[in-house]
PDB file of N, CA and C in Angstrom:
ATOM      1  N   MET A   1       0.816  -1.185   0.000  1.00  0.00           N
ATOM      2  CA  MET A   1       0.000   0.000   0.000  1.00  0.00           C
ATOM      3  C   MET A   1       0.864   1.255   0.000  1.00  0.00           C
ATOM      4  N   GLU A   2       1.963   1.207   0.712  1.00  0.00           N
ATOM      5  CA  GLU A   2       2.838   2.368   0.775  1.00  0.00           C
ATOM      6  C   GLU A   2       3.424   2.681  -0.594  1.00  0.00           C
ATOM      7  N   VAL A   3       3.816   1.656  -1.317  1.00  0.00           N
ATOM      8  CA  VAL A   3       4.377   1.846  -2.657  1.00  0.00           C
ATOM      9  C   VAL A   3       3.328   2.435  -3.589  1.00  0.00           C
ATOM     10  N   ILE A   4       2.134   1.890  -3.557  1.00  0.00           N
ATOM     11  CA  ILE A   4       1.050   2.414  -4.402  1.00  0.00           C
ATOM     12  C   ILE A   4       0.794   3.868  -4.062  1.00  0.00           C
ATOM     13  N   ASN A   5       0.758   4.167  -2.783  1.00  0.00           N
ATOM     14  CA  ASN A   5       0.515   5.535  -2.339  1.00  0.00           C
ATOM     15  C   ASN A   5       1.583   6.484  -2.874  1.00  0.00           C
ATOM     16  N   LYS A   6       2.849   6.078  -2.863  1.00  0.00           N
ATOM     17  CA  LYS A   6       3.923   6.939  -3.366  1.00  0.00           C
ATOM     18  C   LYS A   6       3.863   7.078  -4.880  1.00  0.00           C
ATOM     19  N   ILE A   7       3.568   5.995  -5.585  1.00  0.00           N
ATOM     20  CA  ILE A   7       3.474   6.048  -7.046  1.00  0.00           C
ATOM     21  C   ILE A   7       2.371   6.992  -7.483  1.00  0.00           C
ATOM     22  N   ILE A   8       1.251   6.930  -6.793  1.00  0.00           N
ATOM     23  CA  ILE A   8       0.095   7.741  -7.161  1.00  0.00           C
ATOM     24  C   ILE A   8       0.402   9.232  -7.067  1.00  0.00           C
ATOM     25  N   ASN A   9       1.346   9.597  -6.214  1.00  0.00           N
ATOM     26  CA  ASN A   9       1.719  11.001  -6.098  1.00  0.00           C
ATOM     27  C   ASN A   9       2.526  11.497  -7.298  1.00  0.00           C
ATOM     28  N   TYR A  10       3.026  10.589  -8.127  1.00  0.00           N
ATOM     29  CA  TYR A  10       3.844  10.981  -9.274  1.00  0.00           C
ATOM     30  C   TYR A  10       3.181  10.739 -10.623  1.00  0.00           C
ATOM     31  N   ILE A  11       2.126   9.961 -10.653  1.00  0.00           N
ATOM     32  CA  ILE A  11       1.429   9.709 -11.917  1.00  0.00           C
ATOM     33  C   ILE A  11      -0.061   9.975 -11.746  1.00  0.00           C
ATOM     34  N   ASN A  12      -0.727  10.176 -12.843  1.00  0.00           N
ATOM     35  CA  ASN A  12      -2.166  10.374 -12.831  1.00  0.00           C
ATOM     36  C   ASN A  12      -2.831   9.027 -13.065  1.00  0.00           C
ATOM     37  N   CYS A  13      -3.390   8.476 -12.012  1.00  0.00           N
ATOM     38  CA  CYS A  13      -4.002   7.151 -12.067  1.00  0.00           C
ATOM     39  C   CYS A  13      -5.515   7.297 -12.234  1.00  0.00           C
ATOM     40  N   PRO A  14      -6.123   6.544 -13.132  1.00  0.00           N
ATOM     41  CA  PRO A  14      -7.580   6.620 -13.295  1.00  0.00           C
ATOM     42  C   PRO A  14      -8.307   6.232 -12.010  1.00  0.00           C
ATOM     43  N   ASN A  15      -9.385   6.941 -11.717  1.00  0.00           N
ATOM     44  CA  ASN A  15     -10.178   6.691 -10.517  1.00  0.00           C
ATOM     45  C   ASN A  15     -10.679   5.247 -10.478  1.00  0.00           C
ATOM     46  N   GLU A  16     -11.022   4.697 -11.630  1.00  0.00           N
ATOM     47  CA  GLU A  16     -11.517   3.315 -11.678  1.00  0.00           C
ATOM     48  C   GLU A  16     -10.457   2.328 -11.186  1.00  0.00           C
ATOM     49  N   TYR A  17      -9.208   2.577 -11.555  1.00  0.00           N
ATOM     50  CA  TYR A  17      -8.105   1.719 -11.118  1.00  0.00           C
ATOM     51  C   TYR A  17      -7.935   1.808  -9.603  1.00  0.00           C
ATOM     52  N   LEU A  18      -7.977   3.019  -9.084  1.00  0.00           N
ATOM     53  CA  LEU A  18      -7.810   3.202  -7.646  1.00  0.00           C
ATOM     54  C   LEU A  18      -8.946   2.546  -6.869  1.00  0.00           C
ATOM     55  N   GLN A  19     -10.164   2.639  -7.401  1.00  0.00           N
ATOM     56  CA  GLN A  19     -11.287   1.993  -6.723  1.00  0.00           C
ATOM     57  C   GLN A  19     -11.098   0.474  -6.676  1.00  0.00           C
ATOM     58  N   LYS A  20     -10.584  -0.106  -7.751  1.00  0.00           N
ATOM     59  CA  LYS A  20     -10.317  -1.549  -7.767  1.00  0.00           C
ATOM     60  C   LYS A  20      -9.196  -1.898  -6.790  1.00  0.00           C
ATOM     61  N   ALA A  21      -8.187  -1.064  -6.716  1.00  0.00           N
ATOM     62  CA  ALA A  21      -7.087  -1.306  -5.775  1.00  0.00           C
ATOM     63  C   ALA A  21      -7.584  -1.243  -4.339  1.00  0.00           C
ATOM     64  N   VAL A  22      -8.428  -0.258  -4.042  1.00  0.00           N
ATOM     65  CA  VAL A  22      -8.991  -0.132  -2.698  1.00  0.00           C
ATOM     66  C   VAL A  22      -9.854  -1.344  -2.374  1.00  0.00           C
ATOM     67  N   LYS A  23     -10.618  -1.808  -3.344  1.00  0.00           N
ATOM     68  CA  LYS A  23     -11.459  -2.991  -3.111  1.00  0.00           C
ATOM     69  C   LYS A  23     -10.586  -4.196  -2.754  1.00  0.00           C
ATOM     70  N   CYS A  24      -9.494  -4.374  -3.477  1.00  0.00           N
ATOM     71  CA  CYS A  24      -8.579  -5.482  -3.169  1.00  0.00           C
ATOM     72  C   CYS A  24      -8.000  -5.353  -1.772  1.00  0.00           C
ATOM     73  N   VAL A  25      -7.606  -4.149  -1.401  1.00  0.00           N
ATOM     74  CA  VAL A  25      -7.044  -3.919  -0.067  1.00  0.00           C
ATOM     75  C   VAL A  25      -8.068  -4.268   1.002  1.00  0.00           C
ATOM     76  N   VAL A  26      -9.282  -3.777   0.839  1.00  0.00           N
ATOM     77  CA  VAL A  26     -10.341  -4.029   1.831  1.00  0.00           C
ATOM     78  C   VAL A  26     -10.661  -5.512   1.912  1.00  0.00           C
ATOM     79  N   GLU A  27     -10.739  -6.175   0.773  1.00  0.00           N
ATOM     80  CA  GLU A  27     -11.063  -7.603   0.769  1.00  0.00           C
ATOM     81  C   GLU A  27      -9.957  -8.441   1.398  1.00  0.00           C
ATOM     82  N   GLN A  28      -8.712  -7.995   1.305  1.00  0.00           N
ATOM     83  CA  GLN A  28      -7.599  -8.755   1.856  1.00  0.00           C
ATOM     84  C   GLN A  28      -7.298  -8.413   3.319  1.00  0.00           C
ATOM     85  N   THR A  29      -7.961  -7.394   3.825  1.00  0.00           N
ATOM     86  CA  THR A  29      -7.722  -6.979   5.208  1.00  0.00           C
ATOM     87  C   THR A  29      -8.248  -8.044   6.153  1.00  0.00           C
ATOM     88  N   GLU A  30      -7.359  -8.533   6.970  1.00  0.00           N
ATOM     89  CA  GLU A  30      -7.761  -9.503   7.975  1.00  0.00           C
ATOM     90  C   GLU A  30      -8.421  -8.751   9.116  1.00  0.00           C
ATOM     91  N   LYS A  31      -9.111  -9.477   9.950  1.00  0.00           N
ATOM     92  CA  LYS A  31      -9.787  -8.852  11.080  1.00  0.00           C
ATOM     93  C   LYS A  31      -8.806  -8.594  12.213  1.00  0.00           C
ATOM     94  N   LYS A  32      -7.702  -7.987  11.866  1.00  0.00           N
ATOM     95  CA  LYS A  32      -6.676  -7.640  12.835  1.00  0.00           C
ATOM     96  C   LYS A  32      -6.563  -6.129  12.883  1.00  0.00           C
ATOM     97  N   GLY A  33      -6.343  -5.626  14.055  1.00  0.00           N
ATOM     98  CA  GLY A  33      -6.299  -4.187  14.253  1.00  0.00           C
ATOM     99  C   GLY A  33      -5.338  -3.457  13.349  1.00  0.00           C
ATOM    100  N   ARG A  34      -4.117  -3.947  13.220  1.00  0.00           N
ATOM    101  CA  ARG A  34      -3.105  -3.252  12.424  1.00  0.00           C
ATOM    102  C   ARG A  34      -3.499  -3.202  10.949  1.00  0.00           C
ATOM    103  N   SER A  35      -3.979  -4.290  10.407  1.00  0.00           N
ATOM    104  CA  SER A  35      -4.388  -4.322   8.996  1.00  0.00           C
ATOM    105  C   SER A  35      -5.537  -3.363   8.738  1.00  0.00           C
ATOM    106  N   ILE A  36      -6.466  -3.322   9.659  1.00  0.00           N
ATOM    107  CA  ILE A  36      -7.616  -2.425   9.513  1.00  0.00           C
ATOM    108  C   ILE A  36      -7.146  -0.975   9.547  1.00  0.00           C
ATOM    109  N   ARG A  37      -6.295  -0.644  10.498  1.00  0.00           N
ATOM    110  CA  ARG A  37      -5.796   0.728  10.613  1.00  0.00           C
ATOM    111  C   ARG A  37      -4.999   1.149   9.383  1.00  0.00           C
ATOM    112  N   ILE A  38      -4.120   0.285   8.923  1.00  0.00           N
ATOM    113  CA  ILE A  38      -3.299   0.611   7.755  1.00  0.00           C
ATOM    114  C   ILE A  38      -4.179   0.815   6.526  1.00  0.00           C
ATOM    115  N   SER A  39      -5.159  -0.041   6.349  1.00  0.00           N
ATOM    116  CA  SER A  39      -6.078   0.087   5.207  1.00  0.00           C
ATOM    117  C   SER A  39      -6.847   1.401   5.289  1.00  0.00           C
ATOM    118  N   ALA A  40      -7.343   1.733   6.466  1.00  0.00           N
ATOM    119  CA  ALA A  40      -8.107   2.967   6.640  1.00  0.00           C
ATOM    120  C   ALA A  40      -7.235   4.194   6.364  1.00  0.00           C
ATOM    121  N   ILE A  41      -6.003   4.177   6.833  1.00  0.00           N
ATOM    122  CA  ILE A  41      -5.080   5.288   6.596  1.00  0.00           C
ATOM    123  C   ILE A  41      -4.777   5.422   5.106  1.00  0.00           C
ATOM    124  N   PHE A  42      -4.544   4.293   4.440  1.00  0.00           N
ATOM    125  CA  PHE A  42      -4.270   4.285   3.003  1.00  0.00           C
ATOM    126  C   PHE A  42      -5.431   4.908   2.222  1.00  0.00           C
ATOM    127  N   ILE A  43      -6.643   4.461   2.511  1.00  0.00           N
ATOM    128  CA  ILE A  43      -7.820   4.979   1.803  1.00  0.00           C
ATOM    129  C   ILE A  43      -8.021   6.458   2.115  1.00  0.00           C
ATOM    130  N   SER A  44      -7.843   6.834   3.379  1.00  0.00           N
ATOM    131  CA  SER A  44      -7.990   8.244   3.775  1.00  0.00           C
ATOM    132  C   SER A  44      -7.012   9.131   3.015  1.00  0.00           C
ATOM    133  N   ASN A  45      -5.753   8.681   2.908  1.00  0.00           N
ATOM    134  CA  ASN A  45      -4.746   9.462   2.185  1.00  0.00           C
ATOM    135  C   ASN A  45      -5.119   9.635   0.715  1.00  0.00           C
ATOM    136  N   LEU A  46      -5.610   8.572   0.096  1.00  0.00           N
ATOM    137  CA  LEU A  46      -6.018   8.671  -1.311  1.00  0.00           C
ATOM    138  C   LEU A  46      -7.130   9.703  -1.490  1.00  0.00           C
ATOM    139  N   ILE A  47      -8.082   9.716  -0.573  1.00  0.00           N
ATOM    140  CA  ILE A  47      -9.199  10.662  -0.662  1.00  0.00           C
ATOM    141  C   ILE A  47      -8.720  12.086  -0.375  1.00  0.00           C
ATOM    142  N   GLU A  48      -7.934  12.252   0.685  1.00  0.00           N
ATOM    143  CA  GLU A  48      -7.466  13.594   1.050  1.00  0.00           C
ATOM    144  C   GLU A  48      -6.587  14.223  -0.026  1.00  0.00           C
ATOM    145  N   MET A  49      -5.805  13.407  -0.706  1.00  0.00           N
ATOM    146  CA  MET A  49      -4.934  13.926  -1.757  1.00  0.00           C
ATOM    147  C   MET A  49      -5.679  14.144  -3.077  1.00  0.00           C
ATOM    148  N   GLY A  50      -6.945  13.783  -3.107  1.00  0.00           N
ATOM    149  CA  GLY A  50      -7.747  13.989  -4.301  1.00  0.00           C
ATOM    150  C   GLY A  50      -7.558  12.933  -5.369  1.00  0.00           C
ATOM    151  N   HIS A  51      -6.882  11.835  -5.025  1.00  0.00           N
ATOM    152  CA  HIS A  51      -6.647  10.776  -6.002  1.00  0.00           C
ATOM    153  C   HIS A  51      -7.854   9.855  -6.148  1.00  0.00           C
ATOM    154  N   LEU A  52      -8.598   9.686  -5.096  1.00  0.00           N
ATOM    155  CA  LEU A  52      -9.736   8.765  -5.098  1.00  0.00           C
ATOM    156  C   LEU A  52     -11.006   9.554  -4.833  1.00  0.00           C
ATOM    157  N   ARG A  53     -11.979   9.381  -5.728  1.00  0.00           N
ATOM    158  CA  ARG A  53     -13.241  10.099  -5.612  1.00  0.00           C
ATOM    159  C   ARG A  53     -14.398   9.128  -5.807  1.00  0.00           C
ATOM    160  N   TYR A  54     -15.404   9.343  -5.022  1.00  0.00           N
ATOM    161  CA  TYR A  54     -16.653   8.600  -5.184  1.00  0.00           C
ATOM    162  C   TYR A  54     -17.716   9.624  -5.506  1.00  0.00           C
ATOM    163  N   GLU A  55     -18.103   9.664  -6.772  1.00  0.00           N
ATOM    164  CA  GLU A  55     -18.990  10.723  -7.236  1.00  0.00           C
ATOM    165  C   GLU A  55     -20.441  10.515  -6.842  1.00  0.00           C
ATOM    166  N   ASN A  56     -20.933   9.294  -6.916  1.00  0.00           N
ATOM    167  CA  ASN A  56     -22.342   9.069  -6.609  1.00  0.00           C
ATOM    168  C   ASN A  56     -22.540   8.515  -5.208  1.00  0.00           C
ATOM    169  N   GLU A  57     -21.949   7.374  -4.952  1.00  0.00           N
ATOM    170  CA  GLU A  57     -22.058   6.803  -3.621  1.00  0.00           C
ATOM    171  C   GLU A  57     -20.872   5.893  -3.347  1.00  0.00           C
ATOM    172  N   ILE A  58     -20.636   5.665  -2.076  1.00  0.00           N
ATOM    173  CA  ILE A  58     -19.541   4.804  -1.662  1.00  0.00           C
ATOM    174  C   ILE A  58     -19.904   3.365  -2.010  1.00  0.00           C
ATOM    175  N   PRO A  59     -18.978   2.604  -2.594  1.00  0.00           N
ATOM    176  CA  PRO A  59     -19.265   1.204  -2.935  1.00  0.00           C
ATOM    177  C   PRO A  59     -19.620   0.389  -1.681  1.00  0.00           C
ATOM    178  N   GLN A  60     -20.406  -0.629  -1.883  1.00  0.00           N
ATOM    179  CA  GLN A  60     -20.882  -1.450  -0.770  1.00  0.00           C
ATOM    180  C   GLN A  60     -19.738  -2.057   0.033  1.00  0.00           C
ATOM    181  N   PHE A  61     -18.675  -2.507  -0.640  1.00  0.00           N
ATOM    182  CA  PHE A  61     -17.566  -3.123   0.093  1.00  0.00           C
ATOM    183  C   PHE A  61     -16.922  -2.136   1.064  1.00  0.00           C
ATOM    184  N   LEU A  62     -16.850  -0.863   0.682  1.00  0.00           N
ATOM    185  CA  LEU A  62     -16.264   0.145   1.558  1.00  0.00           C
ATOM    186  C   LEU A  62     -17.227   0.521   2.681  1.00  0.00           C
ATOM    187  N   GLN A  63     -18.504   0.597   2.370  1.00  0.00           N
ATOM    188  CA  GLN A  63     -19.506   0.835   3.419  1.00  0.00           C
ATOM    189  C   GLN A  63     -19.461  -0.282   4.454  1.00  0.00           C
ATOM    190  N   ASP A  64     -19.352  -1.524   3.989  1.00  0.00           N
ATOM    191  CA  ASP A  64     -19.278  -2.672   4.901  1.00  0.00           C
ATOM    192  C   ASP A  64     -18.023  -2.597   5.763  1.00  0.00           C
ATOM    193  N   PHE A  65     -16.893  -2.259   5.149  1.00  0.00           N
ATOM    194  CA  PHE A  65     -15.632  -2.136   5.878  1.00  0.00           C
ATOM    195  C   PHE A  65     -15.765  -1.106   6.993  1.00  0.00           C
ATOM    196  N   ILE A  66     -16.343   0.033   6.677  1.00  0.00           N
ATOM    197  CA  ILE A  66     -16.504   1.091   7.675  1.00  0.00           C
ATOM    198  C   ILE A  66     -17.468   0.655   8.770  1.00  0.00           C
ATOM    199  N   THR A  67     -18.590   0.083   8.390  1.00  0.00           N
ATOM    200  CA  THR A  67     -19.588  -0.353   9.371  1.00  0.00           C
ATOM    201  C   THR A  67     -19.029  -1.408  10.316  1.00  0.00           C
ATOM    202  N   GLU A  68     -18.316  -2.375   9.770  1.00  0.00           N
ATOM    203  CA  GLU A  68     -17.773  -3.471  10.580  1.00  0.00           C
ATOM    204  C   GLU A  68     -16.649  -3.022  11.503  1.00  0.00           C
ATOM    205  N   ASN A  69     -15.957  -1.946  11.144  1.00  0.00           N
ATOM    206  CA  ASN A  69     -14.760  -1.551  11.881  1.00  0.00           C
ATOM    207  C   ASN A  69     -14.829  -0.136  12.437  1.00  0.00           C
ATOM    208  N   ILE A  70     -16.020   0.418  12.549  1.00  0.00           N
ATOM    209  CA  ILE A  70     -16.182   1.816  12.956  1.00  0.00           C
ATOM    210  C   ILE A  70     -15.612   2.085  14.349  1.00  0.00           C
ATOM    211  N   SER A  71     -15.446   1.059  15.161  1.00  0.00           N
ATOM    212  CA  SER A  71     -14.887   1.270  16.501  1.00  0.00           C
ATOM    213  C   SER A  71     -13.389   1.581  16.454  1.00  0.00           C
ATOM    214  N   ASP A  72     -12.742   1.296  15.330  1.00  0.00           N
ATOM    215  CA  ASP A  72     -11.325   1.626  15.168  1.00  0.00           C
ATOM    216  C   ASP A  72     -11.195   3.127  14.903  1.00  0.00           C
ATOM    217  N   LYS A  73     -10.246   3.749  15.571  1.00  0.00           N
ATOM    218  CA  LYS A  73     -10.051   5.195  15.469  1.00  0.00           C
ATOM    219  C   LYS A  73      -9.790   5.643  14.033  1.00  0.00           C
ATOM    220  N   GLU A  74      -8.963   4.906  13.303  1.00  0.00           N
ATOM    221  CA  GLU A  74      -8.622   5.300  11.932  1.00  0.00           C
ATOM    222  C   GLU A  74      -9.810   5.120  10.982  1.00  0.00           C
ATOM    223  N   VAL A  75     -10.622   4.112  11.215  1.00  0.00           N
ATOM    224  CA  VAL A  75     -11.816   3.904  10.386  1.00  0.00           C
ATOM    225  C   VAL A  75     -12.822   5.021  10.656  1.00  0.00           C
ATOM    226  N   GLU A  76     -12.914   5.423  11.904  1.00  0.00           N
ATOM    227  CA  GLU A  76     -13.797   6.542  12.243  1.00  0.00           C
ATOM    228  C   GLU A  76     -13.337   7.814  11.534  1.00  0.00           C
ATOM    229  N   LYS A  77     -12.019   8.041  11.488  1.00  0.00           N
ATOM    230  CA  LYS A  77     -11.471   9.192  10.758  1.00  0.00           C
ATOM    231  C   LYS A  77     -11.783   9.087   9.270  1.00  0.00           C
ATOM    232  N   LEU A  78     -11.638   7.878   8.709  1.00  0.00           N
ATOM    233  CA  LEU A  78     -11.964   7.657   7.297  1.00  0.00           C
ATOM    234  C   LEU A  78     -13.416   8.026   7.025  1.00  0.00           C
ATOM    235  N   ASN A  79     -14.301   7.600   7.888  1.00  0.00           N
ATOM    236  CA  ASN A  79     -15.723   7.900   7.735  1.00  0.00           C
ATOM    237  C   ASN A  79     -15.957   9.412   7.739  1.00  0.00           C
ATOM    238  N   LYS A  80     -15.298  10.131   8.627  1.00  0.00           N
ATOM    239  CA  LYS A  80     -15.437  11.590   8.678  1.00  0.00           C
ATOM    240  C   LYS A  80     -14.882  12.240   7.414  1.00  0.00           C
ATOM    241  N   ILE A  81     -13.754  11.737   6.936  1.00  0.00           N
ATOM    242  CA  ILE A  81     -13.146  12.285   5.714  1.00  0.00           C
ATOM    243  C   ILE A  81     -14.092  12.105   4.533  1.00  0.00           C
ATOM    244  N   ILE A  82     -14.658  10.928   4.429  1.00  0.00           N
ATOM    245  CA  ILE A  82     -15.585  10.658   3.330  1.00  0.00           C
ATOM    246  C   ILE A  82     -16.770  11.614   3.390  1.00  0.00           C
ATOM    247  N   ASN A  83     -17.286  11.824   4.584  1.00  0.00           N
ATOM    248  CA  ASN A  83     -18.449  12.704   4.734  1.00  0.00           C
ATOM    249  C   ASN A  83     -18.112  14.168   4.529  1.00  0.00           C
ATOM    250  N   THR A  84     -16.898  14.610   4.876  1.00  0.00           N
ATOM    251  CA  THR A  84     -16.557  16.024   4.730  1.00  0.00           C
ATOM    252  C   THR A  84     -16.016  16.362   3.353  1.00  0.00           C
ATOM    253  N   LYS A  85     -15.560  15.391   2.594  1.00  0.00           N
ATOM    254  CA  LYS A  85     -15.037  15.651   1.252  1.00  0.00           C
ATOM    255  C   LYS A  85     -16.131  15.712   0.199  1.00  0.00           C
ATOM    256  N   GLY A  86     -17.374  15.640   0.647  1.00  0.00           N
ATOM    257  CA  GLY A  86     -18.471  15.744  -0.303  1.00  0.00           C
ATOM    258  C   GLY A  86     -18.851  14.425  -0.948  1.00  0.00           C
ATOM    259  N   ASN A  87     -18.276  13.340  -0.451  1.00  0.00           N
ATOM    260  CA  ASN A  87     -18.648  12.031  -0.950  1.00  0.00           C
ATOM    261  C   ASN A  87     -19.860  11.565  -0.177  1.00  0.00           C
ATOM    262  N   SER A  88     -20.847  11.042  -0.872  1.00  0.00           N
ATOM    263  CA  SER A  88     -22.040  10.579  -0.176  1.00  0.00           C
ATOM    264  C   SER A  88     -21.813   9.199   0.384  1.00  0.00           C
ATOM    265  N   MET A  89     -22.359   8.940   1.530  1.00  0.00           N
ATOM    266  CA  MET A  89     -22.179   7.650   2.201  1.00  0.00           C
ATOM    267  C   MET A  89     -23.418   6.843   2.080  1.00  0.00           C
TER     268      MET A  89
END
């Protein structure tokens, strides 16, 4: 995830590609605290940097990830970022 995050800062990646990458990350996240936090931070960074956008609504897999892990501090931050960046939840 760190490598992808750094690459994205140097190239213009299509939003569709980033959404697929995020889906893979979320699907591979084990129910372990560290994996959940790292995934949430990765997704938050993509959104904050303007690389990842959800124009109509958040995909179901991401809604499920947030709902299942909302007690994690980083997931809670991700949820706030999504709501404040104008992305509908």
